[in-house]
Structure formats: C-alpha cells, structure tokens
Full PDB file with SEQRES, HELIX, SHEET, SSBOND, CRYST1, ORIGX, SCALE, CONECT and MASTER records, all heavy atoms in Angstrom:
SEQRES   1 A   38  LEU GLU VAL THR ASN THR SER ALA ARG GLY TRP PHE ILE          
SEQRES   2 A   38  ASN PRO MET GLY LYS ASP ASN THR PHE PRO ILE TRP MET          
SEQRES   3 A   38  MET PHE ALA SER VAL VAL PRO ALA PHE LEU VAL PHE              
HELIX    1 AA1 ILE A   24  ALA A   29  1                                   6    
HELIX    2 AA2 VAL A   31  VAL A   37  1                                   7    
CRYST1    1.000    1.000    1.000  90.00  90.00  90.00 P 1           1          
ORIGX1      1.000000  0.000000  0.000000        0.00000                         
ORIGX2      0.000000  1.000000  0.000000        0.00000                         
ORIGX3      0.000000  0.000000  1.000000        0.00000                         
SCALE1      1.000000  0.000000  0.000000        0.00000                         
SCALE2      0.000000  1.000000  0.000000        0.00000                         
SCALE3      0.000000  0.000000  1.000000        0.00000                         
ATOM      1  N   LEU A   1       0.859  -1.179   0.059  1.00  0.00           N  
ATOM      2  CA  LEU A   1       0.032  -0.032  -0.070  1.00  0.00           C  
ATOM      3  C   LEU A   1       0.895   1.205   0.015  1.00  0.00           C  
ATOM      4  O   LEU A   1       1.142   1.927   1.002  1.00  0.00           O  
ATOM      5  CB  LEU A   1      -0.900  -0.034   1.213  1.00  0.00           C  
ATOM      6  CG  LEU A   1      -2.004   0.955   1.207  1.00  0.00           C  
ATOM      7  CD1 LEU A   1      -3.101   0.637  -0.008  1.00  0.00           C  
ATOM      8  CD2 LEU A   1      -2.920   0.930   2.490  1.00  0.00           C  
ATOM      9  N   GLU A   2       1.405   1.721  -1.151  1.00  0.00           N  
ATOM     10  CA  GLU A   2       2.266   2.716  -1.321  1.00  0.00           C  
ATOM     11  C   GLU A   2       1.883   3.546  -2.488  1.00  0.00           C  
ATOM     12  O   GLU A   2       1.209   3.117  -3.358  1.00  0.00           O  
ATOM     13  CB  GLU A   2       3.777   2.226  -1.556  1.00  0.00           C  
ATOM     14  CG  GLU A   2       4.426   1.483  -0.457  1.00  0.00           C  
ATOM     15  CD  GLU A   2       5.917   1.019  -0.760  1.00  0.00           C  
ATOM     16  OE1 GLU A   2       6.281   1.292  -2.030  1.00  0.00           O  
ATOM     17  OE2 GLU A   2       6.503   0.572   0.071  1.00  0.00           O  
ATOM     18  N   VAL A   3       2.231   4.936  -2.396  1.00  0.00           N  
ATOM     19  CA  VAL A   3       1.925   5.804  -3.551  1.00  0.00           C  
ATOM     20  C   VAL A   3       2.854   5.496  -4.614  1.00  0.00           C  
ATOM     21  O   VAL A   3       3.883   4.742  -4.600  1.00  0.00           O  
ATOM     22  CB  VAL A   3       1.960   7.310  -2.966  1.00  0.00           C  
ATOM     23  CG1 VAL A   3       1.067   7.528  -2.015  1.00  0.00           C  
ATOM     24  CG2 VAL A   3       3.491   7.528  -2.484  1.00  0.00           C  
ATOM     25  N   THR A   4       2.432   6.019  -5.900  1.00  0.00           N  
ATOM     26  CA  THR A   4       3.196   5.718  -6.938  1.00  0.00           C  
ATOM     27  C   THR A   4       4.698   6.178  -6.902  1.00  0.00           C  
ATOM     28  O   THR A   4       5.678   5.475  -7.229  1.00  0.00           O  
ATOM     29  CB  THR A   4       2.546   6.256  -8.244  1.00  0.00           C  
ATOM     30  OG1 THR A   4       1.178   5.701  -8.297  1.00  0.00           O  
ATOM     31  CG2 THR A   4       3.379   5.897  -9.496  1.00  0.00           C  
ATOM     32  N   ASN A   5       4.820   7.439  -6.419  1.00  0.00           N  
ATOM     33  CA  ASN A   5       6.112   8.087  -6.371  1.00  0.00           C  
ATOM     34  C   ASN A   5       6.381   8.437  -4.785  1.00  0.00           C  
ATOM     35  O   ASN A   5       5.876   9.513  -4.439  1.00  0.00           O  
ATOM     36  CB  ASN A   5       6.284   9.224  -7.179  1.00  0.00           C  
ATOM     37  CG  ASN A   5       7.710   9.842  -7.243  1.00  0.00           C  
ATOM     38  OD1 ASN A   5       8.608   9.214  -6.596  1.00  0.00           O  
ATOM     39  ND2 ASN A   5       7.851  10.774  -8.158  1.00  0.00           N  
ATOM     40  N   THR A   6       6.983   7.451  -4.003  1.00  0.00           N  
ATOM     41  CA  THR A   6       7.194   7.815  -2.723  1.00  0.00           C  
ATOM     42  C   THR A   6       8.079   8.987  -2.271  1.00  0.00           C  
ATOM     43  O   THR A   6       7.922   9.481  -1.178  1.00  0.00           O  
ATOM     44  CB  THR A   6       7.666   6.458  -1.942  1.00  0.00           C  
ATOM     45  OG1 THR A   6       8.947   6.054  -2.579  1.00  0.00           O  
ATOM     46  CG2 THR A   6       6.660   5.389  -2.063  1.00  0.00           C  
ATOM     47  N   SER A   7       8.908   9.198  -3.258  1.00  0.00           N  
ATOM     48  CA  SER A   7       9.901  10.349  -3.057  1.00  0.00           C  
ATOM     49  C   SER A   7       9.256  11.709  -3.260  1.00  0.00           C  
ATOM     50  O   SER A   7       9.847  12.662  -2.788  1.00  0.00           O  
ATOM     51  CB  SER A   7      11.156  10.213  -3.898  1.00  0.00           C  
ATOM     52  OG  SER A   7      10.714  10.215  -5.225  1.00  0.00           O  
ATOM     53  N   ALA A   8       8.027  11.774  -3.950  1.00  0.00           N  
ATOM     54  CA  ALA A   8       7.449  13.008  -4.202  1.00  0.00           C  
ATOM     55  C   ALA A   8       6.299  13.367  -3.389  1.00  0.00           C  
ATOM     56  O   ALA A   8       6.065  14.609  -3.188  1.00  0.00           O  
ATOM     57  CB  ALA A   8       7.088  13.087  -5.816  1.00  0.00           C  
ATOM     58  N   ARG A   9       5.603  12.376  -2.830  1.00  0.00           N  
ATOM     59  CA  ARG A   9       4.426  12.644  -2.046  1.00  0.00           C  
ATOM     60  C   ARG A   9       4.173  11.467  -1.223  1.00  0.00           C  
ATOM     61  O   ARG A   9       4.635  10.477  -1.260  1.00  0.00           O  
ATOM     62  CB  ARG A   9       3.322  12.957  -2.963  1.00  0.00           C  
ATOM     63  CG  ARG A   9       3.054  11.761  -3.964  1.00  0.00           C  
ATOM     64  CD  ARG A   9       1.636  11.779  -4.626  1.00  0.00           C  
ATOM     65  NE  ARG A   9       0.712  11.422  -3.538  1.00  0.00           N  
ATOM     66  CZ  ARG A   9      -0.607  11.291  -3.819  1.00  0.00           C  
ATOM     67  NH1 ARG A   9      -1.004  11.325  -4.887  1.00  0.00           N  
ATOM     68  NH2 ARG A   9      -1.524  10.901  -2.885  1.00  0.00           N  
ATOM     69  N   GLY A  10       3.210  11.725  -0.190  1.00  0.00           N  
ATOM     70  CA  GLY A  10       2.645  10.669   0.657  1.00  0.00           C  
ATOM     71  C   GLY A  10       1.139  10.484   0.311  1.00  0.00           C  
ATOM     72  O   GLY A  10       0.559  11.169  -0.574  1.00  0.00           O  
ATOM     73  N   TRP A  11       0.505   9.907   1.428  1.00  0.00           N  
ATOM     74  CA  TRP A  11      -0.961   9.556   1.261  1.00  0.00           C  
ATOM     75  C   TRP A  11      -1.799  10.977   1.578  1.00  0.00           C  
ATOM     76  O   TRP A  11      -2.828  11.121   1.001  1.00  0.00           O  
ATOM     77  CB  TRP A  11      -1.351   8.494   2.079  1.00  0.00           C  
ATOM     78  CG  TRP A  11      -1.102   7.138   1.414  1.00  0.00           C  
ATOM     79  CD1 TRP A  11      -0.214   6.265   1.870  1.00  0.00           C  
ATOM     80  CD2 TRP A  11      -1.792   6.545   0.215  1.00  0.00           C  
ATOM     81  NE1 TRP A  11      -0.123   5.154   1.038  1.00  0.00           N  
ATOM     82  CE2 TRP A  11      -1.150   5.275  -0.033  1.00  0.00           C  
ATOM     83  CE3 TRP A  11      -2.691   7.080  -0.664  1.00  0.00           C  
ATOM     84  CZ2 TRP A  11      -1.530   4.523  -1.069  1.00  0.00           C  
ATOM     85  CZ3 TRP A  11      -3.020   6.227  -1.713  1.00  0.00           C  
ATOM     86  CH2 TRP A  11      -2.440   5.013  -1.909  1.00  0.00           C  
ATOM     87  N   PHE A  12      -1.177  11.726   2.390  1.00  0.00           N  
ATOM     88  CA  PHE A  12      -1.929  13.000   2.890  1.00  0.00           C  
ATOM     89  C   PHE A  12      -1.214  14.161   2.514  1.00  0.00           C  
ATOM     90  O   PHE A  12       0.018  14.266   2.534  1.00  0.00           O  
ATOM     91  CB  PHE A  12      -1.945  12.940   4.444  1.00  0.00           C  
ATOM     92  CG  PHE A  12      -2.702  11.802   5.022  1.00  0.00           C  
ATOM     93  CD1 PHE A  12      -2.125  10.682   5.503  1.00  0.00           C  
ATOM     94  CD2 PHE A  12      -4.103  11.780   5.128  1.00  0.00           C  
ATOM     95  CE1 PHE A  12      -2.837   9.505   5.987  1.00  0.00           C  
ATOM     96  CE2 PHE A  12      -4.932  10.796   5.656  1.00  0.00           C  
ATOM     97  CZ  PHE A  12      -4.255   9.651   6.023  1.00  0.00           C  
ATOM     98  N   ILE A  13      -1.930  15.113   1.803  1.00  0.00           N  
ATOM     99  CA  ILE A  13      -1.355  16.246   1.163  1.00  0.00           C  
ATOM    100  C   ILE A  13      -1.837  17.549   1.939  1.00  0.00           C  
ATOM    101  O   ILE A  13      -3.025  17.715   2.357  1.00  0.00           O  
ATOM    102  CB  ILE A  13      -1.782  16.466  -0.239  1.00  0.00           C  
ATOM    103  CG1 ILE A  13      -1.465  15.172  -1.061  1.00  0.00           C  
ATOM    104  CG2 ILE A  13      -1.198  17.567  -0.967  1.00  0.00           C  
ATOM    105  CD1 ILE A  13       0.036  14.681  -1.078  1.00  0.00           C  
ATOM    106  N   ASN A  14      -0.875  18.371   2.231  1.00  0.00           N  
ATOM    107  CA  ASN A  14      -1.136  19.598   2.982  1.00  0.00           C  
ATOM    108  C   ASN A  14      -1.875  20.587   2.026  1.00  0.00           C  
ATOM    109  O   ASN A  14      -1.347  20.923   1.033  1.00  0.00           O  
ATOM    110  CB  ASN A  14       0.209  20.272   3.420  1.00  0.00           C  
ATOM    111  CG  ASN A  14      -0.093  21.580   4.295  1.00  0.00           C  
ATOM    112  OD1 ASN A  14      -1.212  21.917   4.471  1.00  0.00           O  
ATOM    113  ND2 ASN A  14       0.996  22.179   4.630  1.00  0.00           N  
ATOM    114  N   PRO A  15      -3.081  20.943   2.283  1.00  0.00           N  
ATOM    115  CA  PRO A  15      -3.786  21.935   1.358  1.00  0.00           C  
ATOM    116  C   PRO A  15      -3.207  23.187   1.233  1.00  0.00           C  
ATOM    117  O   PRO A  15      -3.538  24.017   0.276  1.00  0.00           O  
ATOM    118  CB  PRO A  15      -5.197  22.030   1.994  1.00  0.00           C  
ATOM    119  CG  PRO A  15      -5.309  20.763   2.988  1.00  0.00           C  
ATOM    120  CD  PRO A  15      -3.880  20.525   3.424  1.00  0.00           C  
ATOM    121  N   MET A  16      -2.318  23.728   2.216  1.00  0.00           N  
ATOM    122  CA  MET A  16      -1.733  25.015   2.045  1.00  0.00           C  
ATOM    123  C   MET A  16      -0.449  24.865   1.209  1.00  0.00           C  
ATOM    124  O   MET A  16       0.147  25.860   0.898  1.00  0.00           O  
ATOM    125  CB  MET A  16      -1.416  25.494   3.362  1.00  0.00           C  
ATOM    126  CG  MET A  16      -2.562  25.577   4.427  1.00  0.00           C  
ATOM    127  SD  MET A  16      -3.997  26.438   3.558  1.00  0.00           S  
ATOM    128  CE  MET A  16      -3.374  28.085   3.453  1.00  0.00           C  
ATOM    129  N   GLY A  17      -0.023  23.683   0.809  1.00  0.00           N  
ATOM    130  CA  GLY A  17       1.211  23.595  -0.055  1.00  0.00           C  
ATOM    131  C   GLY A  17       2.042  22.467   0.442  1.00  0.00           C  
ATOM    132  O   GLY A  17       2.315  22.328   1.605  1.00  0.00           O  
ATOM    133  N   LYS A  18       2.530  21.720  -0.478  1.00  0.00           N  
ATOM    134  CA  LYS A  18       3.452  20.660  -0.014  1.00  0.00           C  
ATOM    135  C   LYS A  18       4.934  21.034   0.190  1.00  0.00           C  
ATOM    136  O   LYS A  18       5.430  20.975   1.297  1.00  0.00           O  
ATOM    137  CB  LYS A  18       3.446  19.449  -1.172  1.00  0.00           C  
ATOM    138  CG  LYS A  18       4.191  18.102  -0.609  1.00  0.00           C  
ATOM    139  CD  LYS A  18       3.845  17.159  -1.599  1.00  0.00           C  
ATOM    140  CE  LYS A  18       4.602  17.427  -2.949  1.00  0.00           C  
ATOM    141  NZ  LYS A  18       6.043  17.372  -2.857  1.00  0.00           N  
ATOM    142  N   ASP A  19       5.514  21.645  -0.838  1.00  0.00           N  
ATOM    143  CA  ASP A  19       6.879  22.120  -0.784  1.00  0.00           C  
ATOM    144  C   ASP A  19       6.941  23.608  -0.863  1.00  0.00           C  
ATOM    145  O   ASP A  19       7.663  24.281  -0.266  1.00  0.00           O  
ATOM    146  CB  ASP A  19       7.790  21.567  -1.942  1.00  0.00           C  
ATOM    147  CG  ASP A  19       7.867  19.974  -1.995  1.00  0.00           C  
ATOM    148  OD1 ASP A  19       7.946  19.540  -0.700  1.00  0.00           O  
ATOM    149  OD2 ASP A  19       7.843  19.385  -2.894  1.00  0.00           O  
ATOM    150  N   ASN A  20       5.879  24.240  -1.559  1.00  0.00           N  
ATOM    151  CA  ASN A  20       5.804  25.750  -1.585  1.00  0.00           C  
ATOM    152  C   ASN A  20       4.361  26.179  -1.257  1.00  0.00           C  
ATOM    153  O   ASN A  20       3.404  25.298  -1.316  1.00  0.00           O  
ATOM    154  CB  ASN A  20       6.142  26.214  -3.027  1.00  0.00           C  
ATOM    155  CG  ASN A  20       7.545  25.685  -3.483  1.00  0.00           C  
ATOM    156  OD1 ASN A  20       8.430  25.907  -2.754  1.00  0.00           O  
ATOM    157  ND2 ASN A  20       7.644  25.091  -4.700  1.00  0.00           N  
ATOM    158  N   THR A  21       4.286  27.318  -0.910  1.00  0.00           N  
ATOM    159  CA  THR A  21       2.852  27.861  -0.479  1.00  0.00           C  
ATOM    160  C   THR A  21       1.993  28.048  -1.782  1.00  0.00           C  
ATOM    161  O   THR A  21       2.424  28.532  -2.755  1.00  0.00           O  
ATOM    162  CB  THR A  21       3.046  29.364   0.065  1.00  0.00           C  
ATOM    163  OG1 THR A  21       3.946  29.240   1.176  1.00  0.00           O  
ATOM    164  CG2 THR A  21       1.621  29.825   0.580  1.00  0.00           C  
ATOM    165  N   PHE A  22       0.871  27.244  -1.658  1.00  0.00           N  
ATOM    166  CA  PHE A  22      -0.037  27.284  -2.794  1.00  0.00           C  
ATOM    167  C   PHE A  22      -0.744  28.622  -2.882  1.00  0.00           C  
ATOM    168  O   PHE A  22      -1.220  29.160  -1.829  1.00  0.00           O  
ATOM    169  CB  PHE A  22      -1.113  26.257  -2.614  1.00  0.00           C  
ATOM    170  CG  PHE A  22      -1.744  25.800  -3.884  1.00  0.00           C  
ATOM    171  CD1 PHE A  22      -1.229  25.268  -4.910  1.00  0.00           C  
ATOM    172  CD2 PHE A  22      -3.244  26.150  -3.982  1.00  0.00           C  
ATOM    173  CE1 PHE A  22      -1.915  24.834  -6.055  1.00  0.00           C  
ATOM    174  CE2 PHE A  22      -3.931  25.917  -5.085  1.00  0.00           C  
ATOM    175  CZ  PHE A  22      -3.233  25.238  -6.089  1.00  0.00           C  
ATOM    176  N   PRO A  23      -0.805  29.150  -4.076  1.00  0.00           N  
ATOM    177  CA  PRO A  23      -1.451  30.490  -4.236  1.00  0.00           C  
ATOM    178  C   PRO A  23      -2.962  30.533  -3.718  1.00  0.00           C  
ATOM    179  O   PRO A  23      -3.834  29.736  -3.981  1.00  0.00           O  
ATOM    180  CB  PRO A  23      -1.462  30.771  -5.815  1.00  0.00           C  
ATOM    181  CG  PRO A  23      -0.333  29.938  -6.254  1.00  0.00           C  
ATOM    182  CD  PRO A  23      -0.358  28.681  -5.370  1.00  0.00           C  
ATOM    183  N   ILE A  24      -3.197  31.703  -3.002  1.00  0.00           N  
ATOM    184  CA  ILE A  24      -4.507  31.842  -2.373  1.00  0.00           C  
ATOM    185  C   ILE A  24      -5.680  31.920  -3.580  1.00  0.00           C  
ATOM    186  O   ILE A  24      -6.718  31.365  -3.336  1.00  0.00           O  
ATOM    187  CB  ILE A  24      -4.680  33.015  -1.348  1.00  0.00           C  
ATOM    188  CG1 ILE A  24      -3.724  32.769  -0.253  1.00  0.00           C  
ATOM    189  CG2 ILE A  24      -5.974  33.161  -0.907  1.00  0.00           C  
ATOM    190  CD1 ILE A  24      -3.615  33.850   0.770  1.00  0.00           C  
ATOM    191  N   TRP A  25      -5.223  32.595  -4.640  1.00  0.00           N  
ATOM    192  CA  TRP A  25      -6.286  32.917  -5.660  1.00  0.00           C  
ATOM    193  C   TRP A  25      -6.595  31.551  -6.288  1.00  0.00           C  
ATOM    194  O   TRP A  25      -7.723  31.434  -6.734  1.00  0.00           O  
ATOM    195  CB  TRP A  25      -5.716  33.971  -6.642  1.00  0.00           C  
ATOM    196  CG  TRP A  25      -4.651  33.342  -7.412  1.00  0.00           C  
ATOM    197  CD1 TRP A  25      -3.262  33.609  -7.088  1.00  0.00           C  
ATOM    198  CD2 TRP A  25      -4.580  32.651  -8.594  1.00  0.00           C  
ATOM    199  NE1 TRP A  25      -2.425  33.040  -8.098  1.00  0.00           N  
ATOM    200  CE2 TRP A  25      -3.279  32.472  -9.065  1.00  0.00           C  
ATOM    201  CE3 TRP A  25      -5.631  32.177  -9.527  1.00  0.00           C  
ATOM    202  CZ2 TRP A  25      -2.927  31.836 -10.210  1.00  0.00           C  
ATOM    203  CZ3 TRP A  25      -5.205  31.526 -10.663  1.00  0.00           C  
ATOM    204  CH2 TRP A  25      -3.950  31.295 -11.005  1.00  0.00           C  
ATOM    205  N   MET A  26      -5.670  30.747  -6.430  1.00  0.00           N  
ATOM    206  CA  MET A  26      -5.900  29.459  -7.106  1.00  0.00           C  
ATOM    207  C   MET A  26      -6.746  28.525  -6.200  1.00  0.00           C  
ATOM    208  O   MET A  26      -7.505  27.600  -6.742  1.00  0.00           O  
ATOM    209  CB  MET A  26      -4.521  28.750  -7.395  1.00  0.00           C  
ATOM    210  CG  MET A  26      -4.670  27.433  -8.338  1.00  0.00           C  
ATOM    211  SD  MET A  26      -5.403  27.836  -9.780  1.00  0.00           S  
ATOM    212  CE  MET A  26      -5.695  26.204 -10.488  1.00  0.00           C  
ATOM    213  N   MET A  27      -6.722  28.625  -4.823  1.00  0.00           N  
ATOM    214  CA  MET A  27      -7.557  27.964  -3.887  1.00  0.00           C  
ATOM    215  C   MET A  27      -9.124  28.163  -4.264  1.00  0.00           C  
ATOM    216  O   MET A  27      -9.787  27.187  -4.402  1.00  0.00           O  
ATOM    217  CB  MET A  27      -7.383  28.315  -2.547  1.00  0.00           C  
ATOM    218  CG  MET A  27      -5.915  27.899  -2.064  1.00  0.00           C  
ATOM    219  SD  MET A  27      -5.707  28.470  -0.327  1.00  0.00           S  
ATOM    220  CE  MET A  27      -4.066  28.098  -0.014  1.00  0.00           C  
ATOM    221  N   PHE A  28      -9.346  29.439  -4.606  1.00  0.00           N  
ATOM    222  CA  PHE A  28     -10.778  29.862  -5.069  1.00  0.00           C  
ATOM    223  C   PHE A  28     -11.129  29.513  -6.543  1.00  0.00           C  
ATOM    224  O   PHE A  28     -12.185  29.208  -6.982  1.00  0.00           O  
ATOM    225  CB  PHE A  28     -11.091  31.243  -4.657  1.00  0.00           C  
ATOM    226  CG  PHE A  28     -11.073  31.555  -3.214  1.00  0.00           C  
ATOM    227  CD1 PHE A  28      -9.833  32.070  -2.701  1.00  0.00           C  
ATOM    228  CD2 PHE A  28     -12.104  31.334  -2.518  1.00  0.00           C  
ATOM    229  CE1 PHE A  28      -9.813  32.357  -1.200  1.00  0.00           C  
ATOM    230  CE2 PHE A  28     -12.083  31.554  -1.046  1.00  0.00           C  
ATOM    231  CZ  PHE A  28     -11.012  32.138  -0.500  1.00  0.00           C  
ATOM    232  N   ALA A  29      -9.931  29.733  -7.335  1.00  0.00           N  
ATOM    233  CA  ALA A  29     -10.182  29.417  -8.919  1.00  0.00           C  
ATOM    234  C   ALA A  29     -10.288  28.073  -9.063  1.00  0.00           C  
ATOM    235  O   ALA A  29     -10.786  27.647 -10.212  1.00  0.00           O  
ATOM    236  CB  ALA A  29      -8.851  30.082  -9.580  1.00  0.00           C  
ATOM    237  N   SER A  30      -9.874  27.062  -8.172  1.00  0.00           N  
ATOM    238  CA  SER A  30     -10.090  25.719  -8.431  1.00  0.00           C  
ATOM    239  C   SER A  30     -11.546  25.243  -8.596  1.00  0.00           C  
ATOM    240  O   SER A  30     -11.871  24.170  -9.009  1.00  0.00           O  
ATOM    241  CB  SER A  30      -9.528  24.923  -7.257  1.00  0.00           C  
ATOM    242  OG  SER A  30      -8.055  25.067  -7.225  1.00  0.00           O  
ATOM    243  N   VAL A  31     -12.448  26.229  -8.289  1.00  0.00           N  
ATOM    244  CA  VAL A  31     -13.849  25.971  -8.527  1.00  0.00           C  
ATOM    245  C   VAL A  31     -14.172  25.603  -9.866  1.00  0.00           C  
ATOM    246  O   VAL A  31     -15.168  25.015 -10.341  1.00  0.00           O  
ATOM    247  CB  VAL A  31     -14.733  27.058  -7.767  1.00  0.00           C  
ATOM    248  CG1 VAL A  31     -14.600  28.221  -8.547  1.00  0.00           C  
ATOM    249  CG2 VAL A  31     -16.247  26.516  -7.773  1.00  0.00           C  
ATOM    250  N   VAL A  32     -13.433  26.263 -10.755  1.00  0.00           N  
ATOM    251  CA  VAL A  32     -13.649  26.262 -12.160  1.00  0.00           C  
ATOM    252  C   VAL A  32     -13.418  24.709 -12.679  1.00  0.00           C  
ATOM    253  O   VAL A  32     -14.237  24.084 -13.406  1.00  0.00           O  
ATOM    254  CB  VAL A  32     -12.858  27.257 -13.058  1.00  0.00           C  
ATOM    255  CG1 VAL A  32     -13.166  27.191 -14.505  1.00  0.00           C  
ATOM    256  CG2 VAL A  32     -13.257  28.663 -12.533  1.00  0.00           C  
ATOM    257  N   PRO A  33     -12.176  24.257 -12.539  1.00  0.00           N  
ATOM    258  CA  PRO A  33     -11.913  22.883 -13.002  1.00  0.00           C  
ATOM    259  C   PRO A  33     -12.793  21.964 -12.127  1.00  0.00           C  
ATOM    260  O   PRO A  33     -13.091  20.851 -12.745  1.00  0.00           O  
ATOM    261  CB  PRO A  33     -10.475  22.594 -12.701  1.00  0.00           C  
ATOM    262  CG  PRO A  33      -9.969  23.698 -11.677  1.00  0.00           C  
ATOM    263  CD  PRO A  33     -10.847  24.880 -11.978  1.00  0.00           C  
ATOM    264  N   ALA A  34     -13.076  22.190 -10.878  1.00  0.00           N  
ATOM    265  CA  ALA A  34     -14.020  21.272 -10.182  1.00  0.00           C  
ATOM    266  C   ALA A  34     -15.307  21.219 -10.849  1.00  0.00           C  
ATOM    267  O   ALA A  34     -15.882  20.082 -10.831  1.00  0.00           O  
ATOM    268  CB  ALA A  34     -14.041  21.780  -8.655  1.00  0.00           C  
ATOM    269  N   PHE A  35     -15.814  22.335 -11.371  1.00  0.00           N  
ATOM    270  CA  PHE A  35     -17.076  22.345 -11.953  1.00  0.00           C  
ATOM    271  C   PHE A  35     -17.064  21.421 -13.332  1.00  0.00           C  
ATOM    272  O   PHE A  35     -18.131  20.788 -13.597  1.00  0.00           O  
ATOM    273  CB  PHE A  35     -17.601  23.794 -12.419  1.00  0.00           C  
ATOM    274  CG  PHE A  35     -18.931  23.872 -12.880  1.00  0.00           C  
ATOM    275  CD1 PHE A  35     -20.002  23.617 -12.225  1.00  0.00           C  
ATOM    276  CD2 PHE A  35     -18.981  24.181 -14.350  1.00  0.00           C  
ATOM    277  CE1 PHE A  35     -21.330  23.792 -12.857  1.00  0.00           C  
ATOM    278  CE2 PHE A  35     -20.289  24.350 -14.867  1.00  0.00           C  
ATOM    279  CZ  PHE A  35     -21.404  23.988 -14.205  1.00  0.00           C  
ATOM    280  N   LEU A  36     -15.959  21.464 -13.971  1.00  0.00           N  
ATOM    281  CA  LEU A  36     -15.825  20.693 -15.165  1.00  0.00           C  
ATOM    282  C   LEU A  36     -15.775  19.167 -14.799  1.00  0.00           C  
ATOM    283  O   LEU A  36     -16.327  18.391 -15.569  1.00  0.00           O  
ATOM    284  CB  LEU A  36     -14.495  21.154 -15.790  1.00  0.00           C  
ATOM    285  CG  LEU A  36     -14.482  22.627 -16.389  1.00  0.00           C  
ATOM    286  CD1 LEU A  36     -13.021  22.713 -17.038  1.00  0.00           C  
ATOM    287  CD2 LEU A  36     -15.595  22.840 -17.353  1.00  0.00           C  
ATOM    288  N   VAL A  37     -14.958  18.915 -13.752  1.00  0.00           N  
ATOM    289  CA  VAL A  37     -14.985  17.547 -13.283  1.00  0.00           C  
ATOM    290  C   VAL A  37     -16.387  16.996 -12.770  1.00  0.00           C  
ATOM    291  O   VAL A  37     -16.844  15.901 -13.177  1.00  0.00           O  
ATOM    292  CB  VAL A  37     -13.937  17.341 -12.173  1.00  0.00           C  
ATOM    293  CG1 VAL A  37     -14.022  15.940 -11.590  1.00  0.00           C  
ATOM    294  CG2 VAL A  37     -12.557  17.656 -12.568  1.00  0.00           C  
ATOM    295  N   PHE A  38     -17.089  17.917 -12.235  1.00  0.00           N  
ATOM    296  CA  PHE A  38     -18.536  17.540 -11.702  1.00  0.00           C  
ATOM    297  C   PHE A  38     -19.438  17.362 -13.028  1.00  0.00           C  
ATOM    298  O   PHE A  38     -20.116  16.243 -12.993  1.00  0.00           O  
ATOM    299  CB  PHE A  38     -19.075  18.672 -10.981  1.00  0.00           C  
ATOM    300  CG  PHE A  38     -20.536  18.509 -10.697  1.00  0.00           C  
ATOM    301  CD1 PHE A  38     -21.048  17.597  -9.799  1.00  0.00           C  
ATOM    302  CD2 PHE A  38     -21.419  19.259 -11.406  1.00  0.00           C  
ATOM    303  CE1 PHE A  38     -22.424  17.442  -9.491  1.00  0.00           C  
ATOM    304  CE2 PHE A  38     -22.960  19.071 -11.196  1.00  0.00           C  
ATOM    305  CZ  PHE A  38     -23.256  18.168 -10.273  1.00  0.00           C  
TER     306      PHE A  38                                                      
MASTER        0    0    0    2    0    0    0    6  305    1    0    3          
END                                                                             
C-alpha cells in the first residue's frame, strides 16, 4: 500500500502547499476545474 512516487508525495497532502505555498487565488479558482469534473 504505497503511493506511485514515494519520493515526491505521501498519502496525505497539505492543502496549503506541499513544498511551496499554494497561491490563495488558485484555492478559489479551483472551483472552475472542479465544476468541469463535476
């Protein structure tokens, strides 16, 4: 039970950013691709 790339990520991801701070505007802009997936 391992992820595909153990050196790049784990099972749990920090929503604020894994290695770098994730842009705040993209947190809200993600609703657009989420709507497409829906």
